[in-house]
Amino acid sequence: ENGKLIPADSELLQKMKEYSSEHD
């Protein structure tokens, strides 16, 4: 897990929510 490439948990969770919504 490269910390320079993975965003903070709050941003990652938001992106996860967006991805999930876009994929049923």
mmCIF file of all heavy atoms, coordinates in Angstrom:
data_MODEL
# 
_entry.id   MODEL 
# 
loop_
_atom_site.group_PDB 
_atom_site.id 
_atom_site.type_symbol 
_atom_site.label_atom_id 
_atom_site.label_alt_id 
_atom_site.label_comp_id 
_atom_site.label_asym_id 
_atom_site.label_entity_id 
_atom_site.label_seq_id 
_atom_site.pdbx_PDB_ins_code 
_atom_site.Cartn_x 
_atom_site.Cartn_y 
_atom_site.Cartn_z 
_atom_site.occupancy 
_atom_site.B_iso_or_equiv 
_atom_site.pdbx_formal_charge 
_atom_site.auth_seq_id 
_atom_site.auth_comp_id 
_atom_site.auth_asym_id 
_atom_site.auth_atom_id 
_atom_site.pdbx_PDB_model_num 
ATOM 1   N N   . GLU A 1 1  ? 0.858   -1.176 0.000   1.00 0.00 ? 1  GLU A N   1 
ATOM 2   C CA  . GLU A 1 1  ? 0.000   0.000  0.000   1.00 0.00 ? 1  GLU A CA  1 
ATOM 3   C C   . GLU A 1 1  ? 0.901   1.236  0.000   1.00 0.00 ? 1  GLU A C   1 
ATOM 4   O O   . GLU A 1 1  ? 1.489   1.580  1.021   1.00 0.00 ? 1  GLU A O   1 
ATOM 5   C CB  . GLU A 1 1  ? -0.930  0.003  1.210   1.00 0.00 ? 1  GLU A CB  1 
ATOM 6   C CG  . GLU A 1 1  ? -1.959  -1.114 1.189   1.00 0.00 ? 1  GLU A CG  1 
ATOM 7   C CD  . GLU A 1 1  ? -3.017  -0.948 2.261   1.00 0.00 ? 1  GLU A CD  1 
ATOM 8   O OE1 . GLU A 1 1  ? -3.070  0.136  2.867   1.00 0.00 ? 1  GLU A OE1 1 
ATOM 9   O OE2 . GLU A 1 1  ? -3.770  -1.905 2.480   1.00 0.00 ? 1  GLU A OE2 1 
ATOM 10  N N   . ASN A 1 2  ? 1.018   1.862  -1.127  1.00 0.00 ? 2  ASN A N   1 
ATOM 11  C CA  . ASN A 1 2  ? 1.881   3.023  -1.267  1.00 0.00 ? 2  ASN A CA  1 
ATOM 12  C C   . ASN A 1 2  ? 1.119   4.277  -0.855  1.00 0.00 ? 2  ASN A C   1 
ATOM 13  O O   . ASN A 1 2  ? 0.215   4.728  -1.537  1.00 0.00 ? 2  ASN A O   1 
ATOM 14  C CB  . ASN A 1 2  ? 2.350   3.135  -2.730  1.00 0.00 ? 2  ASN A CB  1 
ATOM 15  C CG  . ASN A 1 2  ? 3.409   4.192  -2.906  1.00 0.00 ? 2  ASN A CG  1 
ATOM 16  O OD1 . ASN A 1 2  ? 3.435   5.198  -2.193  1.00 0.00 ? 2  ASN A OD1 1 
ATOM 17  N ND2 . ASN A 1 2  ? 4.302   3.977  -3.841  1.00 0.00 ? 2  ASN A ND2 1 
ATOM 18  N N   . GLY A 1 3  ? 1.496   4.843  0.299   1.00 0.00 ? 3  GLY A N   1 
ATOM 19  C CA  . GLY A 1 3  ? 0.774   5.983  0.834   1.00 0.00 ? 3  GLY A CA  1 
ATOM 20  C C   . GLY A 1 3  ? 0.776   7.193  -0.079  1.00 0.00 ? 3  GLY A C   1 
ATOM 21  O O   . GLY A 1 3  ? -0.093  8.044  0.004   1.00 0.00 ? 3  GLY A O   1 
ATOM 22  N N   . LYS A 1 4  ? 1.760   7.307  -0.969  1.00 0.00 ? 4  LYS A N   1 
ATOM 23  C CA  . LYS A 1 4  ? 1.816   8.443  -1.878  1.00 0.00 ? 4  LYS A CA  1 
ATOM 24  C C   . LYS A 1 4  ? 0.756   8.332  -2.965  1.00 0.00 ? 4  LYS A C   1 
ATOM 25  O O   . LYS A 1 4  ? 0.396   9.320  -3.589  1.00 0.00 ? 4  LYS A O   1 
ATOM 26  C CB  . LYS A 1 4  ? 3.198   8.540  -2.515  1.00 0.00 ? 4  LYS A CB  1 
ATOM 27  C CG  . LYS A 1 4  ? 4.313   8.855  -1.515  1.00 0.00 ? 4  LYS A CG  1 
ATOM 28  C CD  . LYS A 1 4  ? 5.659   8.955  -2.219  1.00 0.00 ? 4  LYS A CD  1 
ATOM 29  C CE  . LYS A 1 4  ? 6.777   9.276  -1.222  1.00 0.00 ? 4  LYS A CE  1 
ATOM 30  N NZ  . LYS A 1 4  ? 8.091   9.358  -1.879  1.00 0.00 ? 4  LYS A NZ  1 
ATOM 31  N N   . LEU A 1 5  ? 0.270   7.110  -3.206  1.00 0.00 ? 5  LEU A N   1 
ATOM 32  C CA  . LEU A 1 5  ? -0.673  6.898  -4.292  1.00 0.00 ? 5  LEU A CA  1 
ATOM 33  C C   . LEU A 1 5  ? -2.102  6.705  -3.816  1.00 0.00 ? 5  LEU A C   1 
ATOM 34  O O   . LEU A 1 5  ? -3.036  6.829  -4.586  1.00 0.00 ? 5  LEU A O   1 
ATOM 35  C CB  . LEU A 1 5  ? -0.250  5.677  -5.120  1.00 0.00 ? 5  LEU A CB  1 
ATOM 36  C CG  . LEU A 1 5  ? 1.101   5.799  -5.825  1.00 0.00 ? 5  LEU A CG  1 
ATOM 37  C CD1 . LEU A 1 5  ? 1.456   4.491  -6.506  1.00 0.00 ? 5  LEU A CD1 1 
ATOM 38  C CD2 . LEU A 1 5  ? 1.082   6.923  -6.846  1.00 0.00 ? 5  LEU A CD2 1 
ATOM 39  N N   . ILE A 1 6  ? -2.281  6.387  -2.537  1.00 0.00 ? 6  ILE A N   1 
ATOM 40  C CA  . ILE A 1 6  ? -3.605  6.146  -1.997  1.00 0.00 ? 6  ILE A CA  1 
ATOM 41  C C   . ILE A 1 6  ? -4.040  7.366  -1.187  1.00 0.00 ? 6  ILE A C   1 
ATOM 42  O O   . ILE A 1 6  ? -3.311  7.816  -0.308  1.00 0.00 ? 6  ILE A O   1 
ATOM 43  C CB  . ILE A 1 6  ? -3.610  4.890  -1.105  1.00 0.00 ? 6  ILE A CB  1 
ATOM 44  C CG1 . ILE A 1 6  ? -3.147  3.682  -1.900  1.00 0.00 ? 6  ILE A CG1 1 
ATOM 45  C CG2 . ILE A 1 6  ? -5.005  4.633  -0.552  1.00 0.00 ? 6  ILE A CG2 1 
ATOM 46  C CD1 . ILE A 1 6  ? -2.926  2.458  -1.066  1.00 0.00 ? 6  ILE A CD1 1 
ATOM 47  N N   . PRO A 1 7  ? -5.231  7.900  -1.451  1.00 0.00 ? 7  PRO A N   1 
ATOM 48  C CA  . PRO A 1 7  ? -5.662  9.106  -0.739  1.00 0.00 ? 7  PRO A CA  1 
ATOM 49  C C   . PRO A 1 7  ? -6.023  8.805  0.713   1.00 0.00 ? 7  PRO A C   1 
ATOM 50  O O   . PRO A 1 7  ? -6.104  7.648  1.131   1.00 0.00 ? 7  PRO A O   1 
ATOM 51  C CB  . PRO A 1 7  ? -6.900  9.543  -1.530  1.00 0.00 ? 7  PRO A CB  1 
ATOM 52  C CG  . PRO A 1 7  ? -7.439  8.275  -2.107  1.00 0.00 ? 7  PRO A CG  1 
ATOM 53  C CD  . PRO A 1 7  ? -6.227  7.448  -2.432  1.00 0.00 ? 7  PRO A CD  1 
ATOM 54  N N   . ALA A 1 8  ? -6.273  9.838  1.474   1.00 0.00 ? 8  ALA A N   1 
ATOM 55  C CA  . ALA A 1 8  ? -6.718  9.688  2.854   1.00 0.00 ? 8  ALA A CA  1 
ATOM 56  C C   . ALA A 1 8  ? -8.026  8.915  2.886   1.00 0.00 ? 8  ALA A C   1 
ATOM 57  O O   . ALA A 1 8  ? -8.788  8.897  1.911   1.00 0.00 ? 8  ALA A O   1 
ATOM 58  C CB  . ALA A 1 8  ? -6.889  11.063 3.492   1.00 0.00 ? 8  ALA A CB  1 
ATOM 59  N N   . ASP A 1 9  ? -8.311  8.305  4.032   1.00 0.00 ? 9  ASP A N   1 
ATOM 60  C CA  . ASP A 1 9  ? -9.496  7.455  4.146   1.00 0.00 ? 9  ASP A CA  1 
ATOM 61  C C   . ASP A 1 9  ? -10.777 8.186  3.770   1.00 0.00 ? 9  ASP A C   1 
ATOM 62  O O   . ASP A 1 9  ? -11.661 7.616  3.125   1.00 0.00 ? 9  ASP A O   1 
ATOM 63  C CB  . ASP A 1 9  ? -9.609  6.910  5.572   1.00 0.00 ? 9  ASP A CB  1 
ATOM 64  C CG  . ASP A 1 9  ? -8.585  5.828  5.873   1.00 0.00 ? 9  ASP A CG  1 
ATOM 65  O OD1 . ASP A 1 9  ? -8.135  5.149  4.923   1.00 0.00 ? 9  ASP A OD1 1 
ATOM 66  O OD2 . ASP A 1 9  ? -8.228  5.664  7.050   1.00 0.00 ? 9  ASP A OD2 1 
ATOM 67  N N   . SER A 1 10 ? -10.903 9.446  4.161   1.00 0.00 ? 10 SER A N   1 
ATOM 68  C CA  . SER A 1 10 ? -12.130 10.194 3.871   1.00 0.00 ? 10 SER A CA  1 
ATOM 69  C C   . SER A 1 10 ? -12.338 10.353 2.363   1.00 0.00 ? 10 SER A C   1 
ATOM 70  O O   . SER A 1 10 ? -13.451 10.167 1.850   1.00 0.00 ? 10 SER A O   1 
ATOM 71  C CB  . SER A 1 10 ? -12.093 11.562 4.540   1.00 0.00 ? 10 SER A CB  1 
ATOM 72  O OG  . SER A 1 10 ? -10.952 12.296 4.123   1.00 0.00 ? 10 SER A OG  1 
ATOM 73  N N   . GLU A 1 11 ? -11.258 10.665 1.640   1.00 0.00 ? 11 GLU A N   1 
ATOM 74  C CA  . GLU A 1 11 ? -11.365 10.814 0.187   1.00 0.00 ? 11 GLU A CA  1 
ATOM 75  C C   . GLU A 1 11 ? -11.589 9.460  -0.476  1.00 0.00 ? 11 GLU A C   1 
ATOM 76  O O   . GLU A 1 11 ? -12.392 9.336  -1.404  1.00 0.00 ? 11 GLU A O   1 
ATOM 77  C CB  . GLU A 1 11 ? -10.104 11.462 -0.387  1.00 0.00 ? 11 GLU A CB  1 
ATOM 78  C CG  . GLU A 1 11 ? -10.184 11.664 -1.902  1.00 0.00 ? 11 GLU A CG  1 
ATOM 79  C CD  . GLU A 1 11 ? -8.921  12.243 -2.493  1.00 0.00 ? 11 GLU A CD  1 
ATOM 80  O OE1 . GLU A 1 11 ? -8.052  12.708 -1.733  1.00 0.00 ? 11 GLU A OE1 1 
ATOM 81  O OE2 . GLU A 1 11 ? -8.806  12.225 -3.749  1.00 0.00 ? 11 GLU A OE2 1 
ATOM 82  N N   . LEU A 1 12 ? -10.885 8.442  0.001   1.00 0.00 ? 12 LEU A N   1 
ATOM 83  C CA  . LEU A 1 12 ? -11.059 7.110  -0.573  1.00 0.00 ? 12 LEU A CA  1 
ATOM 84  C C   . LEU A 1 12 ? -12.490 6.630  -0.400  1.00 0.00 ? 12 LEU A C   1 
ATOM 85  O O   . LEU A 1 12 ? -13.089 6.083  -1.330  1.00 0.00 ? 12 LEU A O   1 
ATOM 86  C CB  . LEU A 1 12 ? -10.090 6.126  0.079   1.00 0.00 ? 12 LEU A CB  1 
ATOM 87  C CG  . LEU A 1 12 ? -10.202 4.656  -0.371  1.00 0.00 ? 12 LEU A CG  1 
ATOM 88  C CD1 . LEU A 1 12 ? -10.015 4.530  -1.872  1.00 0.00 ? 12 LEU A CD1 1 
ATOM 89  C CD2 . LEU A 1 12 ? -9.185  3.792  0.378   1.00 0.00 ? 12 LEU A CD2 1 
ATOM 90  N N   . LEU A 1 13 ? -13.059 6.832  0.779   1.00 0.00 ? 13 LEU A N   1 
ATOM 91  C CA  . LEU A 1 13 ? -14.435 6.405  1.014   1.00 0.00 ? 13 LEU A CA  1 
ATOM 92  C C   . LEU A 1 13 ? -15.399 7.125  0.086   1.00 0.00 ? 13 LEU A C   1 
ATOM 93  O O   . LEU A 1 13 ? -16.340 6.511  -0.441  1.00 0.00 ? 13 LEU A O   1 
ATOM 94  C CB  . LEU A 1 13 ? -14.818 6.648  2.475   1.00 0.00 ? 13 LEU A CB  1 
ATOM 95  C CG  . LEU A 1 13 ? -16.224 6.191  2.872   1.00 0.00 ? 13 LEU A CG  1 
ATOM 96  C CD1 . LEU A 1 13 ? -16.412 4.701  2.629   1.00 0.00 ? 13 LEU A CD1 1 
ATOM 97  C CD2 . LEU A 1 13 ? -16.507 6.531  4.336   1.00 0.00 ? 13 LEU A CD2 1 
ATOM 98  N N   . GLN A 1 14 ? -15.187 8.404  -0.143  1.00 0.00 ? 14 GLN A N   1 
ATOM 99  C CA  . GLN A 1 14 ? -16.053 9.150  -1.054  1.00 0.00 ? 14 GLN A CA  1 
ATOM 100 C C   . GLN A 1 14 ? -15.951 8.590  -2.470  1.00 0.00 ? 14 GLN A C   1 
ATOM 101 O O   . GLN A 1 14 ? -16.979 8.421  -3.152  1.00 0.00 ? 14 GLN A O   1 
ATOM 102 C CB  . GLN A 1 14 ? -15.686 10.637 -1.047  1.00 0.00 ? 14 GLN A CB  1 
ATOM 103 C CG  . GLN A 1 14 ? -16.548 11.495 -1.964  1.00 0.00 ? 14 GLN A CG  1 
ATOM 104 C CD  . GLN A 1 14 ? -18.025 11.418 -1.642  1.00 0.00 ? 14 GLN A CD  1 
ATOM 105 O OE1 . GLN A 1 14 ? -18.417 11.383 -0.469  1.00 0.00 ? 14 GLN A OE1 1 
ATOM 106 N NE2 . GLN A 1 14 ? -18.854 11.380 -2.686  1.00 0.00 ? 14 GLN A NE2 1 
ATOM 107 N N   . LYS A 1 15 ? -14.743 8.289  -2.915  1.00 0.00 ? 15 LYS A N   1 
ATOM 108 C CA  . LYS A 1 15 ? -14.562 7.708  -4.248  1.00 0.00 ? 15 LYS A CA  1 
ATOM 109 C C   . LYS A 1 15 ? -15.170 6.309  -4.328  1.00 0.00 ? 15 LYS A C   1 
ATOM 110 O O   . LYS A 1 15 ? -15.716 5.914  -5.355  1.00 0.00 ? 15 LYS A O   1 
ATOM 111 C CB  . LYS A 1 15 ? -13.072 7.670  -4.600  1.00 0.00 ? 15 LYS A CB  1 
ATOM 112 C CG  . LYS A 1 15 ? -12.416 9.032  -4.748  1.00 0.00 ? 15 LYS A CG  1 
ATOM 113 C CD  . LYS A 1 15 ? -13.043 9.833  -5.878  1.00 0.00 ? 15 LYS A CD  1 
ATOM 114 C CE  . LYS A 1 15 ? -12.311 11.165 -6.068  1.00 0.00 ? 15 LYS A CE  1 
ATOM 115 N NZ  . LYS A 1 15 ? -12.928 11.978 -7.150  1.00 0.00 ? 15 LYS A NZ  1 
ATOM 116 N N   . MET A 1 16 ? -15.085 5.562  -3.223  1.00 0.00 ? 16 MET A N   1 
ATOM 117 C CA  . MET A 1 16 ? -15.711 4.239  -3.182  1.00 0.00 ? 16 MET A CA  1 
ATOM 118 C C   . MET A 1 16 ? -17.227 4.350  -3.327  1.00 0.00 ? 16 MET A C   1 
ATOM 119 O O   . MET A 1 16 ? -17.867 3.565  -4.043  1.00 0.00 ? 16 MET A O   1 
ATOM 120 C CB  . MET A 1 16 ? -15.354 3.533  -1.870  1.00 0.00 ? 16 MET A CB  1 
ATOM 121 C CG  . MET A 1 16 ? -13.911 3.053  -1.795  1.00 0.00 ? 16 MET A CG  1 
ATOM 122 S SD  . MET A 1 16 ? -13.427 2.527  -0.111  1.00 0.00 ? 16 MET A SD  1 
ATOM 123 C CE  . MET A 1 16 ? -14.573 1.160  0.177   1.00 0.00 ? 16 MET A CE  1 
ATOM 124 N N   . LYS A 1 17 ? -17.815 5.322  -2.648  1.00 0.00 ? 17 LYS A N   1 
ATOM 125 C CA  . LYS A 1 17 ? -19.263 5.531  -2.730  1.00 0.00 ? 17 LYS A CA  1 
ATOM 126 C C   . LYS A 1 17 ? -19.676 5.869  -4.158  1.00 0.00 ? 17 LYS A C   1 
ATOM 127 O O   . LYS A 1 17 ? -20.685 5.354  -4.668  1.00 0.00 ? 17 LYS A O   1 
ATOM 128 C CB  . LYS A 1 17 ? -19.691 6.639  -1.772  1.00 0.00 ? 17 LYS A CB  1 
ATOM 129 C CG  . LYS A 1 17 ? -19.587 6.261  -0.301  1.00 0.00 ? 17 LYS A CG  1 
ATOM 130 C CD  . LYS A 1 17 ? -19.848 7.451  0.613   1.00 0.00 ? 17 LYS A CD  1 
ATOM 131 C CE  . LYS A 1 17 ? -21.284 7.918  0.532   1.00 0.00 ? 17 LYS A CE  1 
ATOM 132 N NZ  . LYS A 1 17 ? -21.538 9.021  1.515   1.00 0.00 ? 17 LYS A NZ  1 
ATOM 133 N N   . GLU A 1 18 ? -18.887 6.705  -4.808  1.00 0.00 ? 18 GLU A N   1 
ATOM 134 C CA  . GLU A 1 18 ? -19.195 7.078  -6.193  1.00 0.00 ? 18 GLU A CA  1 
ATOM 135 C C   . GLU A 1 18 ? -19.091 5.864  -7.115  1.00 0.00 ? 18 GLU A C   1 
ATOM 136 O O   . GLU A 1 18 ? -19.967 5.649  -7.967  1.00 0.00 ? 18 GLU A O   1 
ATOM 137 C CB  . GLU A 1 18 ? -18.252 8.190  -6.648  1.00 0.00 ? 18 GLU A CB  1 
ATOM 138 C CG  . GLU A 1 18 ? -18.453 9.504  -5.914  1.00 0.00 ? 18 GLU A CG  1 
ATOM 139 C CD  . GLU A 1 18 ? -17.366 10.517 -6.213  1.00 0.00 ? 18 GLU A CD  1 
ATOM 140 O OE1 . GLU A 1 18 ? -16.503 10.231 -7.082  1.00 0.00 ? 18 GLU A OE1 1 
ATOM 141 O OE2 . GLU A 1 18 ? -17.364 11.605 -5.589  1.00 0.00 ? 18 GLU A OE2 1 
ATOM 142 N N   . TYR A 1 19 ? -18.029 5.088  -6.948  1.00 0.00 ? 19 TYR A N   1 
ATOM 143 C CA  . TYR A 1 19 ? -17.838 3.900  -7.780  1.00 0.00 ? 19 TYR A CA  1 
ATOM 144 C C   . TYR A 1 19 ? -18.974 2.910  -7.556  1.00 0.00 ? 19 TYR A C   1 
ATOM 145 O O   . TYR A 1 19 ? -19.527 2.343  -8.517  1.00 0.00 ? 19 TYR A O   1 
ATOM 146 C CB  . TYR A 1 19 ? -16.499 3.254  -7.459  1.00 0.00 ? 19 TYR A CB  1 
ATOM 147 C CG  . TYR A 1 19 ? -16.178 2.038  -8.307  1.00 0.00 ? 19 TYR A CG  1 
ATOM 148 C CD1 . TYR A 1 19 ? -15.426 2.159  -9.478  1.00 0.00 ? 19 TYR A CD1 1 
ATOM 149 C CD2 . TYR A 1 19 ? -16.607 0.768  -7.935  1.00 0.00 ? 19 TYR A CD2 1 
ATOM 150 C CE1 . TYR A 1 19 ? -15.129 1.055  -10.254 1.00 0.00 ? 19 TYR A CE1 1 
ATOM 151 C CE2 . TYR A 1 19 ? -16.322 -0.348 -8.702  1.00 0.00 ? 19 TYR A CE2 1 
ATOM 152 C CZ  . TYR A 1 19 ? -15.578 -0.197 -9.854  1.00 0.00 ? 19 TYR A CZ  1 
ATOM 153 O OH  . TYR A 1 19 ? -15.299 -1.305 -10.622 1.00 0.00 ? 19 TYR A OH  1 
ATOM 154 N N   . SER A 1 20 ? -19.333 2.708  -6.311  1.00 0.00 ? 20 SER A N   1 
ATOM 155 C CA  . SER A 1 20 ? -20.403 1.766  -5.992  1.00 0.00 ? 20 SER A CA  1 
ATOM 156 C C   . SER A 1 20 ? -21.720 2.187  -6.626  1.00 0.00 ? 20 SER A C   1 
ATOM 157 O O   . SER A 1 20 ? -22.443 1.359  -7.200  1.00 0.00 ? 20 SER A O   1 
ATOM 158 C CB  . SER A 1 20 ? -20.555 1.659  -4.475  1.00 0.00 ? 20 SER A CB  1 
ATOM 159 O OG  . SER A 1 20 ? -21.629 0.824  -4.137  1.00 0.00 ? 20 SER A OG  1 
ATOM 160 N N   . SER A 1 21 ? -22.045 3.464  -6.525  1.00 0.00 ? 21 SER A N   1 
ATOM 161 C CA  . SER A 1 21 ? -23.294 3.970  -7.103  1.00 0.00 ? 21 SER A CA  1 
ATOM 162 C C   . SER A 1 21 ? -23.333 3.781  -8.611  1.00 0.00 ? 21 SER A C   1 
ATOM 163 O O   . SER A 1 21 ? -24.389 3.512  -9.190  1.00 0.00 ? 21 SER A O   1 
ATOM 164 C CB  . SER A 1 21 ? -23.468 5.447  -6.758  1.00 0.00 ? 21 SER A CB  1 
ATOM 165 O OG  . SER A 1 21 ? -23.575 5.636  -5.368  1.00 0.00 ? 21 SER A OG  1 
ATOM 166 N N   . GLU A 1 22 ? -22.167 3.920  -9.235  1.00 0.00 ? 22 GLU A N   1 
ATOM 167 C CA  . GLU A 1 22 ? -22.086 3.776  -10.691 1.00 0.00 ? 22 GLU A CA  1 
ATOM 168 C C   . GLU A 1 22 ? -22.105 2.320  -11.136 1.00 0.00 ? 22 GLU A C   1 
ATOM 169 O O   . GLU A 1 22 ? -22.242 2.034  -12.328 1.00 0.00 ? 22 GLU A O   1 
ATOM 170 C CB  . GLU A 1 22 ? -20.802 4.447  -11.198 1.00 0.00 ? 22 GLU A CB  1 
ATOM 171 C CG  . GLU A 1 22 ? -20.800 5.956  -11.012 1.00 0.00 ? 22 GLU A CG  1 
ATOM 172 C CD  . GLU A 1 22 ? -19.427 6.568  -11.224 1.00 0.00 ? 22 GLU A CD  1 
ATOM 173 O OE1 . GLU A 1 22 ? -18.476 5.796  -11.524 1.00 0.00 ? 22 GLU A OE1 1 
ATOM 174 O OE2 . GLU A 1 22 ? -19.290 7.799  -11.078 1.00 0.00 ? 22 GLU A OE2 1 
ATOM 175 N N   . HIS A 1 23 ? -21.953 1.389  -10.191 1.00 0.00 ? 23 HIS A N   1 
ATOM 176 C CA  . HIS A 1 23 ? -21.893 -0.040 -10.523 1.00 0.00 ? 23 HIS A CA  1 
ATOM 177 C C   . HIS A 1 23 ? -22.946 -0.821 -9.741  1.00 0.00 ? 23 HIS A C   1 
ATOM 178 O O   . HIS A 1 23 ? -22.660 -1.800 -9.048  1.00 0.00 ? 23 HIS A O   1 
ATOM 179 C CB  . HIS A 1 23 ? -20.492 -0.588 -10.245 1.00 0.00 ? 23 HIS A CB  1 
ATOM 180 C CG  . HIS A 1 23 ? -19.444 -0.059 -11.161 1.00 0.00 ? 23 HIS A CG  1 
ATOM 181 N ND1 . HIS A 1 23 ? -18.863 1.184  -10.978 1.00 0.00 ? 23 HIS A ND1 1 
ATOM 182 C CD2 . HIS A 1 23 ? -18.870 -0.587 -12.280 1.00 0.00 ? 23 HIS A CD2 1 
ATOM 183 C CE1 . HIS A 1 23 ? -17.984 1.392  -11.939 1.00 0.00 ? 23 HIS A CE1 1 
ATOM 184 N NE2 . HIS A 1 23 ? -17.970 0.359  -12.740 1.00 0.00 ? 23 HIS A NE2 1 
ATOM 185 N N   . ASP A 1 24 ? -24.192 -0.378 -9.840  1.00 0.00 ? 24 ASP A N   1 
ATOM 186 C CA  . ASP A 1 24 ? -25.345 -1.100 -9.279  1.00 0.00 ? 24 ASP A CA  1 
ATOM 187 C C   . ASP A 1 24 ? -25.224 -1.336 -7.785  1.00 0.00 ? 24 ASP A C   1 
ATOM 188 O O   . ASP A 1 24 ? -25.629 -2.388 -7.277  1.00 0.00 ? 24 ASP A O   1 
ATOM 189 C CB  . ASP A 1 24 ? -25.548 -2.438 -10.004 1.00 0.00 ? 24 ASP A CB  1 
ATOM 190 C CG  . ASP A 1 24 ? -25.853 -2.265 -11.479 1.00 0.00 ? 24 ASP A CG  1 
ATOM 191 O OD1 . ASP A 1 24 ? -26.596 -1.322 -11.809 1.00 0.00 ? 24 ASP A OD1 1 
ATOM 192 O OD2 . ASP A 1 24 ? -25.350 -3.058 -12.282 1.00 0.00 ? 24 ASP A OD2 1 
# 
